[in-house]
Amino acid sequence: MHFTLAKQEFDLTAQDVVDAVRGRVPETIRDHWVDVDGVRWPVKQALALATGLEPTAFHSQTSRRVLADLGMTVGAESAETAATQAVYGDGVRTFALPRGWVRARQEVLDRALAATLEALAGDAATARLSSYYDPDSNYAGLLFSDADDNAEHTITAGDLWAVTTLSMKIEPRQARLVFDATSKRAGALLHAIPHDTALSDLEHAPGGSAATLERMDELQGIFRTLLATDEKNSNHWVFAAKLCARKRPHLFPVRDNAVCRYLAGHALKTGGIGSFRVDIQVMAYLITHPAVLHELTRLRDEIEVPVDEDLKLLDAALWTKAMWGATKAAAAQETP
C-alpha cells in the first residue's frame, strides 16, 4: 500500500510490519494496539519500526488508520480489558498481570511471608546457608549459577549439567528435545526476555509486566512439556523451573515441591501455590518486602559468600529450611 506519512512516501505491506518488529520487544500498550503475528504491539511503535520514523512524527490515529488499511487487526485498551494488578511486598508498587490470570489472595501472601521470615530468622538460617554454600559440602551452592557455558539465548550442555547439581536427572531424549526447542519458539522467548530483567522490577521490563509474565509462563510451559515423562511422580515441572532459573536468574525462582509445600503450609492444591501463575506473584511479593530484604542483607553479611542476587539467596534459604526442617521433623517422629 502506498501512503504519505510525515511528508514522506512509503510502500508498505502487512508482511513488512511483521518483518520490522521481528527480534524487537513490544512496549507497554497505553491506548491502542495492533496484532502482529499473534502479539499485540503499540500502534505507534509498530508503524515507527516499519517506516523508520520516530514515533513522535505522527499521531496514534494515523497509525491505526494505516495499519487497519494494511488489513491488520487494531484494537483499544479499555476499562473492561484493563489488566488485574498484583502487589509487591513494599506496599507501594503494583504490576499488571496478563489477561486471564487471577491475583494471588492476600492470605496466601501473608502465609508465605510468615514462613519466609521464619526461614530467614536467626543463627539457624545462617548455619544452614553457610553449610549450603560451603564449597567442601555436597550441595550446589554457587555452582548452579556460576557453572560455565551459560549462553544468553540458547540452552547448552552446561545449563543441563548445572540443573543436575540441584538433584535433578535428565534423559538423553529430553536433552535432545530441549536443545532443539531453543532453535524454535523457546529461543525466540529467550531473546524476548532480557537477561537482566528482575522479578522485583517487572513493571519496567520491556513490553511491561504482563507481556513479560506471559513470555515467562510460555517458556516454562515449553520446557515442562518437553521434559514430561510417563512416570506418575515425574518432577518435570521442577526441572523446567530450575532450567528457567538458570537462564534468567533475576526473574525465575528455583521452585520445587518442598519449597512450595513449605510456603503453602499444606499439601499443594490446583490453582494455589505450586502453580506458576501463583508462585511468581508470591515470590515477587516476598523479594520486595522490607522485612525479607532486611534479613537477606543480614544473612549475606554473615555467611560471607558472594551471592549478589537476592532471589537466589532467598531460594537457598527457603529450600534449606524446607528440606532440613522436614528431615529433623521426621527424625523426631521416629525417635522412641
Protein backbone atom coordinates (compact mmCIF):
# COMPACT_ATOMS: atom_id res chain seq x y z
CA MET A 1 0.00 0.00 0.00
CA HIS A 2 1.28 3.45 -0.94
CA PHE A 3 0.78 6.31 1.53
CA THR A 4 2.30 9.56 2.77
CA LEU A 5 3.39 9.94 6.38
CA ALA A 6 5.29 12.86 7.90
CA LYS A 7 5.77 14.26 4.37
CA GLN A 8 7.47 11.04 3.21
CA GLU A 9 6.26 8.45 0.71
CA PHE A 10 6.01 4.79 1.70
CA ASP A 11 5.06 1.49 0.08
CA LEU A 12 4.24 -0.95 2.86
CA THR A 13 2.61 -4.34 3.32
CA ALA A 14 1.45 -6.18 6.41
CA GLN A 15 4.40 -8.55 5.97
CA ASP A 16 6.75 -5.57 6.07
CA VAL A 17 5.40 -4.75 9.53
CA VAL A 18 5.86 -8.36 10.66
CA ASP A 19 9.46 -8.31 9.41
CA ALA A 20 10.17 -4.92 11.02
CA VAL A 21 9.20 -5.97 14.54
CA ARG A 22 10.97 -9.33 14.44
CA GLY A 23 13.61 -9.53 17.16
CA ARG A 24 12.19 -6.48 18.96
CA VAL A 25 10.16 -6.32 22.19
CA PRO A 26 6.76 -4.59 22.37
CA GLU A 27 6.49 -1.64 24.72
CA THR A 28 3.66 -1.20 27.21
CA ILE A 29 0.34 -0.63 25.44
CA ARG A 30 -1.18 2.64 26.64
CA ASP A 31 -4.20 3.02 24.39
CA HIS A 32 -4.29 1.20 21.05
CA TRP A 33 -2.65 -1.97 19.78
CA VAL A 34 -2.12 -3.85 16.54
CA ASP A 35 -1.90 -7.63 16.31
CA VAL A 36 1.39 -8.56 14.63
CA ASP A 37 1.77 -12.28 14.11
CA GLY A 38 -0.22 -13.07 17.26
CA VAL A 39 1.43 -10.45 19.51
CA ARG A 40 -0.11 -7.11 20.44
CA TRP A 41 2.09 -4.07 19.80
CA PRO A 42 1.50 -0.37 20.46
CA VAL A 43 0.33 1.01 17.13
CA LYS A 44 2.86 3.84 17.03
CA GLN A 45 5.78 1.57 17.87
CA ALA A 46 4.84 -0.93 15.16
CA LEU A 47 4.45 1.72 12.47
CA ALA A 48 7.63 3.52 13.56
CA LEU A 49 9.64 0.31 13.21
CA ALA A 50 8.11 -0.40 9.82
CA THR A 51 8.75 3.11 8.43
CA GLY A 52 11.94 4.07 10.26
CA LEU A 53 10.28 7.24 11.52
CA GLU A 54 10.30 8.43 15.10
CA PRO A 55 7.00 7.70 16.92
CA THR A 56 6.70 11.43 17.62
CA ALA A 57 6.49 12.11 13.88
CA PHE A 58 2.84 11.02 13.59
CA HIS A 59 -0.31 10.56 15.63
CA SER A 60 -1.81 7.39 17.06
CA GLN A 61 -4.93 7.91 14.95
CA THR A 62 -2.80 7.92 11.79
CA SER A 63 -1.07 4.72 12.91
CA ARG A 64 -4.39 3.00 13.44
CA ARG A 65 -5.69 4.04 10.04
CA VAL A 66 -2.57 2.93 8.15
CA LEU A 67 -2.29 -0.42 9.91
CA ALA A 68 -6.00 -1.12 9.52
CA ASP A 69 -5.75 -0.29 5.80
CA LEU A 70 -2.99 -2.90 5.58
CA GLY A 71 -5.54 -5.45 6.77
CA MET A 72 -4.12 -5.79 10.27
CA THR A 73 -6.27 -6.13 13.38
CA VAL A 74 -6.26 -2.98 15.50
CA GLY A 75 -7.88 -2.62 18.94
CA ALA A 76 -8.03 -0.46 22.03
CA GLU A 77 -7.39 -0.96 25.71
CA SER A 78 -10.46 -0.19 27.79
CA ALA A 79 -11.65 -0.29 31.36
CA GLU A 80 -13.15 -3.72 30.66
CA THR A 81 -9.85 -5.11 29.37
CA ALA A 82 -7.58 -3.38 31.89
CA ALA A 83 -5.13 -5.78 33.48
CA THR A 84 -5.51 -7.08 37.01
CA GLN A 85 -2.84 -5.63 39.29
CA ALA A 86 -0.73 -7.78 41.61
CA VAL A 87 1.01 -6.29 44.63
CA TYR A 88 4.66 -6.03 45.56
CA GLY A 89 5.70 -6.51 49.15
CA ASP A 90 6.88 -2.91 49.51
CA GLY A 91 3.25 -1.86 49.95
CA VAL A 92 3.57 0.82 47.29
CA ARG A 93 4.02 -0.67 43.84
CA THR A 94 1.87 -2.98 41.75
CA PHE A 95 2.40 -4.80 38.47
CA ALA A 96 -0.04 -5.80 35.75
CA LEU A 97 -0.93 -9.46 35.28
CA PRO A 98 -1.70 -10.99 31.88
CA ARG A 99 -5.34 -11.36 30.92
CA GLY A 100 -6.88 -14.44 32.43
CA TRP A 101 -4.53 -14.51 35.45
CA VAL A 102 -6.03 -14.32 38.93
CA ARG A 103 -4.46 -12.17 41.60
CA ALA A 104 -2.98 -14.20 44.48
CA ARG A 105 -5.10 -13.90 47.62
CA GLN A 106 -3.68 -11.81 50.43
CA GLU A 107 -3.94 -14.70 52.87
CA VAL A 108 -1.71 -16.75 50.56
CA LEU A 109 0.85 -13.94 50.52
CA ASP A 110 0.64 -13.49 54.28
CA ARG A 111 1.16 -17.21 54.94
CA ALA A 112 4.14 -17.32 52.59
CA LEU A 113 5.64 -14.22 54.22
CA ALA A 114 5.36 -15.70 57.71
CA ALA A 115 7.02 -18.93 56.54
CA THR A 116 9.75 -16.98 54.78
CA LEU A 117 10.61 -14.84 57.79
CA GLU A 118 10.83 -18.00 59.87
CA ALA A 119 13.21 -19.49 57.29
CA LEU A 120 15.41 -16.39 57.38
CA ALA A 121 15.47 -15.87 61.13
CA GLY A 122 18.41 -16.13 63.49
CA ASP A 123 21.54 -18.21 63.75
CA ALA A 124 19.80 -21.31 62.41
CA ALA A 125 19.34 -19.68 58.99
CA THR A 126 22.96 -18.53 58.99
CA ALA A 127 24.14 -22.05 59.81
CA ARG A 128 22.02 -23.67 57.09
CA LEU A 129 23.16 -21.25 54.39
CA SER A 130 26.80 -21.46 55.49
CA SER A 131 26.61 -25.23 55.03
CA TYR A 132 24.79 -24.90 51.69
CA TYR A 133 27.39 -22.53 50.25
CA ASP A 134 30.39 -24.36 51.74
CA PRO A 135 32.48 -25.45 48.71
CA ASP A 136 33.55 -28.56 50.63
CA SER A 137 29.94 -29.67 51.05
CA ASN A 138 27.97 -31.76 48.58
CA TYR A 139 25.42 -29.00 47.94
CA ALA A 140 25.27 -26.98 44.73
CA GLY A 141 25.93 -23.63 46.39
CA LEU A 142 27.21 -21.14 43.82
CA LEU A 143 27.87 -23.88 41.28
CA PHE A 144 24.35 -23.74 39.82
CA SER A 145 24.70 -20.09 38.81
CA ASP A 146 28.43 -19.95 38.17
CA ALA A 147 28.88 -23.06 36.02
CA ASP A 148 30.35 -22.20 32.61
CA ASP A 149 28.62 -22.36 29.21
CA ASN A 150 25.59 -20.22 30.06
CA ALA A 151 24.74 -18.66 26.70
CA GLU A 152 22.10 -15.94 26.91
CA HIS A 153 19.76 -17.10 24.16
CA THR A 154 20.26 -20.88 23.92
CA ILE A 155 20.23 -23.92 26.18
CA THR A 156 23.66 -25.54 26.43
CA ALA A 157 25.09 -28.72 27.87
CA GLY A 158 26.45 -26.56 30.68
CA ASP A 159 22.90 -25.48 31.57
CA LEU A 160 21.64 -29.04 31.80
CA TRP A 161 24.65 -30.06 33.88
CA ALA A 162 24.09 -27.07 36.21
CA VAL A 163 20.50 -28.15 36.80
CA THR A 164 21.62 -31.69 37.64
CA THR A 165 23.64 -30.23 40.53
CA LEU A 166 20.23 -29.50 42.12
CA SER A 167 19.47 -33.23 42.38
CA MET A 168 17.74 -33.46 39.01
CA LYS A 169 18.17 -36.03 36.26
CA ILE A 170 17.59 -35.65 32.53
CA GLU A 171 17.29 -38.40 29.95
CA PRO A 172 19.17 -38.19 26.61
CA ARG A 173 15.90 -37.94 24.67
CA GLN A 174 14.78 -35.00 26.81
CA ALA A 175 18.12 -33.24 26.33
CA ARG A 176 17.81 -33.51 22.56
CA LEU A 177 14.29 -32.06 22.67
CA VAL A 178 15.41 -29.14 24.83
CA PHE A 179 18.36 -28.34 22.56
CA ASP A 180 16.08 -28.43 19.53
CA ALA A 181 13.48 -26.20 21.21
CA THR A 182 15.89 -23.29 21.59
CA SER A 183 16.19 -23.06 17.82
CA LYS A 184 12.43 -22.60 17.68
CA ARG A 185 9.89 -20.85 19.92
CA ALA A 186 11.87 -21.22 23.16
CA GLY A 187 14.81 -19.47 21.54
CA ALA A 188 12.59 -16.59 20.48
CA LEU A 189 11.30 -16.26 24.04
CA LEU A 190 14.83 -16.18 25.44
CA HIS A 191 15.56 -13.33 23.03
CA ALA A 192 12.39 -11.53 24.12
CA ILE A 193 13.13 -11.83 27.86
CA PRO A 194 16.24 -9.72 28.61
CA HIS A 195 18.80 -11.41 30.85
CA ASP A 196 18.87 -8.53 33.32
CA THR A 197 15.09 -8.31 33.83
CA ALA A 198 14.33 -8.59 37.55
CA LEU A 199 11.29 -10.01 39.32
CA SER A 200 11.42 -7.03 41.68
CA ASP A 201 11.04 -4.57 38.78
CA LEU A 202 8.59 -6.21 36.39
CA GLU A 203 6.74 -3.00 35.59
CA HIS A 204 9.85 -1.63 33.87
CA ALA A 205 10.55 -4.76 31.82
CA PRO A 206 10.48 -4.30 28.03
CA GLY A 207 6.85 -4.55 26.96
CA GLY A 208 5.63 -4.23 30.56
CA SER A 209 4.99 -6.77 33.27
CA ALA A 210 2.03 -8.53 31.64
CA ALA A 211 3.93 -9.26 28.43
CA THR A 212 6.98 -10.42 30.38
CA LEU A 213 4.92 -12.74 32.57
CA GLU A 214 3.21 -14.20 29.53
CA ARG A 215 6.58 -15.00 27.98
CA MET A 216 7.85 -16.49 31.22
CA ASP A 217 4.75 -18.67 31.54
CA GLU A 218 5.10 -19.83 27.95
CA LEU A 219 8.82 -20.58 28.32
CA GLN A 220 8.44 -22.71 31.44
CA GLY A 221 5.45 -24.39 29.83
CA ILE A 222 7.51 -25.38 26.79
CA PHE A 223 10.27 -26.88 28.93
CA ARG A 224 7.73 -28.56 31.20
CA THR A 225 6.10 -30.25 28.21
CA LEU A 226 9.40 -31.36 26.68
CA LEU A 227 10.65 -32.81 29.95
CA ALA A 228 7.45 -34.71 30.72
CA THR A 229 7.73 -38.49 31.11
CA ASP A 230 5.32 -41.37 31.58
CA GLU A 231 6.30 -41.67 35.24
CA LYS A 232 3.41 -40.88 37.58
CA ASN A 233 5.62 -38.96 40.02
CA SER A 234 7.71 -37.18 37.39
CA ASN A 235 9.28 -33.91 38.55
CA HIS A 236 9.42 -32.47 35.03
CA TRP A 237 7.88 -29.18 36.18
CA VAL A 238 10.66 -28.84 38.78
CA PHE A 239 13.36 -29.38 36.17
CA ALA A 240 11.66 -26.83 33.92
CA ALA A 241 11.54 -24.32 36.79
CA LYS A 242 15.22 -24.81 37.58
CA LEU A 243 16.23 -24.57 33.92
CA CYS A 244 14.37 -21.25 33.63
CA ALA A 245 16.05 -20.04 36.83
CA ARG A 246 19.44 -20.91 35.36
CA LYS A 247 18.74 -18.90 32.18
CA ARG A 248 17.09 -15.88 33.84
CA PRO A 249 18.37 -15.85 37.44
CA HIS A 250 16.96 -12.41 38.33
CA LEU A 251 13.48 -13.38 37.19
CA PHE A 252 12.67 -17.05 37.80
CA PRO A 253 12.77 -18.52 41.31
CA VAL A 254 14.08 -22.05 41.82
CA ARG A 255 10.80 -23.80 42.60
CA ASP A 256 10.25 -27.36 43.77
CA ASN A 257 7.68 -29.36 45.71
CA ALA A 258 9.42 -28.95 49.07
CA VAL A 259 9.59 -25.15 48.89
CA CYS A 260 6.05 -24.81 47.57
CA ARG A 261 4.63 -27.02 50.32
CA TYR A 262 6.59 -25.06 52.92
CA LEU A 263 5.26 -21.71 51.69
CA ALA A 264 1.71 -23.01 51.36
CA GLY A 265 1.71 -24.67 54.76
CA HIS A 266 -0.18 -27.68 53.40
CA ALA A 267 -0.29 -30.16 50.53
CA LEU A 268 -0.31 -28.49 47.13
CA LYS A 269 -3.69 -27.84 45.53
CA THR A 270 -4.62 -26.95 41.98
CA GLY A 271 -4.70 -23.20 41.46
CA GLY A 272 -2.69 -22.41 44.57
CA ILE A 273 1.00 -22.32 45.44
CA GLY A 274 2.70 -24.82 43.17
CA SER A 275 1.09 -23.19 40.14
CA PHE A 276 3.47 -20.95 38.21
CA ARG A 277 0.98 -18.09 38.00
CA VAL A 278 0.58 -18.01 41.77
CA ASP A 279 4.20 -18.80 42.65
CA ILE A 280 5.58 -15.92 40.61
CA GLN A 281 3.29 -13.44 42.39
CA VAL A 282 4.23 -14.86 45.78
CA MET A 283 7.96 -14.61 45.06
CA ALA A 284 7.60 -11.07 43.67
CA TYR A 285 5.84 -10.13 46.90
CA LEU A 286 8.48 -11.75 49.11
CA ILE A 287 11.53 -10.41 47.27
CA THR A 288 10.29 -6.82 47.65
CA HIS A 289 9.11 -7.00 51.26
CA PRO A 290 11.25 -4.80 53.56
CA ALA A 291 11.44 -7.41 56.32
CA VAL A 292 12.63 -10.08 53.88
CA LEU A 293 15.21 -7.75 52.33
CA HIS A 294 16.50 -6.83 55.79
CA GLU A 295 17.06 -10.47 56.69
CA LEU A 296 18.69 -11.24 53.33
CA THR A 297 21.15 -8.38 53.86
CA ARG A 298 21.99 -9.72 57.31
CA LEU A 299 22.49 -13.26 56.04
CA ARG A 300 24.65 -12.12 53.14
CA ASP A 301 26.96 -10.31 55.57
CA GLU A 302 27.13 -13.22 58.00
CA ILE A 303 27.75 -16.10 55.60
CA GLU A 304 30.42 -14.11 53.72
CA VAL A 305 29.58 -15.69 50.38
CA PRO A 306 29.33 -13.53 47.22
CA VAL A 307 25.67 -14.16 46.46
CA ASP A 308 24.78 -10.99 44.58
CA GLU A 309 21.22 -11.91 43.63
CA ASP A 310 18.58 -11.59 46.38
CA LEU A 311 16.27 -14.03 44.63
CA LYS A 312 18.83 -16.83 44.62
CA LEU A 313 19.75 -16.29 48.28
CA LEU A 314 16.05 -16.42 49.13
CA ASP A 315 15.70 -19.61 47.09
CA ALA A 316 18.52 -21.24 49.06
CA ALA A 317 17.13 -20.11 52.41
CA LEU A 318 13.67 -21.48 51.64
CA TRP A 319 14.98 -24.77 50.27
CA THR A 320 17.30 -25.46 53.18
CA LYS A 321 14.55 -24.66 55.66
CA ALA A 322 12.00 -26.81 53.83
CA MET A 323 14.32 -29.78 53.35
CA TRP A 324 16.32 -29.76 56.58
CA GLY A 325 13.35 -28.80 58.69
CA ALA A 326 11.35 -31.70 57.25
CA THR A 327 14.25 -34.08 57.86
CA LYS A 328 14.53 -33.06 61.52
CA ALA A 329 10.76 -33.36 61.99
CA ALA A 330 10.76 -36.84 60.51
CA ALA A 331 13.69 -37.88 62.73
CA ALA A 332 11.90 -36.56 65.80
CA GLN A 333 8.80 -38.60 64.96
CA GLU A 334 10.90 -41.77 64.60
CA THR A 335 12.66 -41.25 67.93
CA PRO A 336 11.12 -43.60 70.56
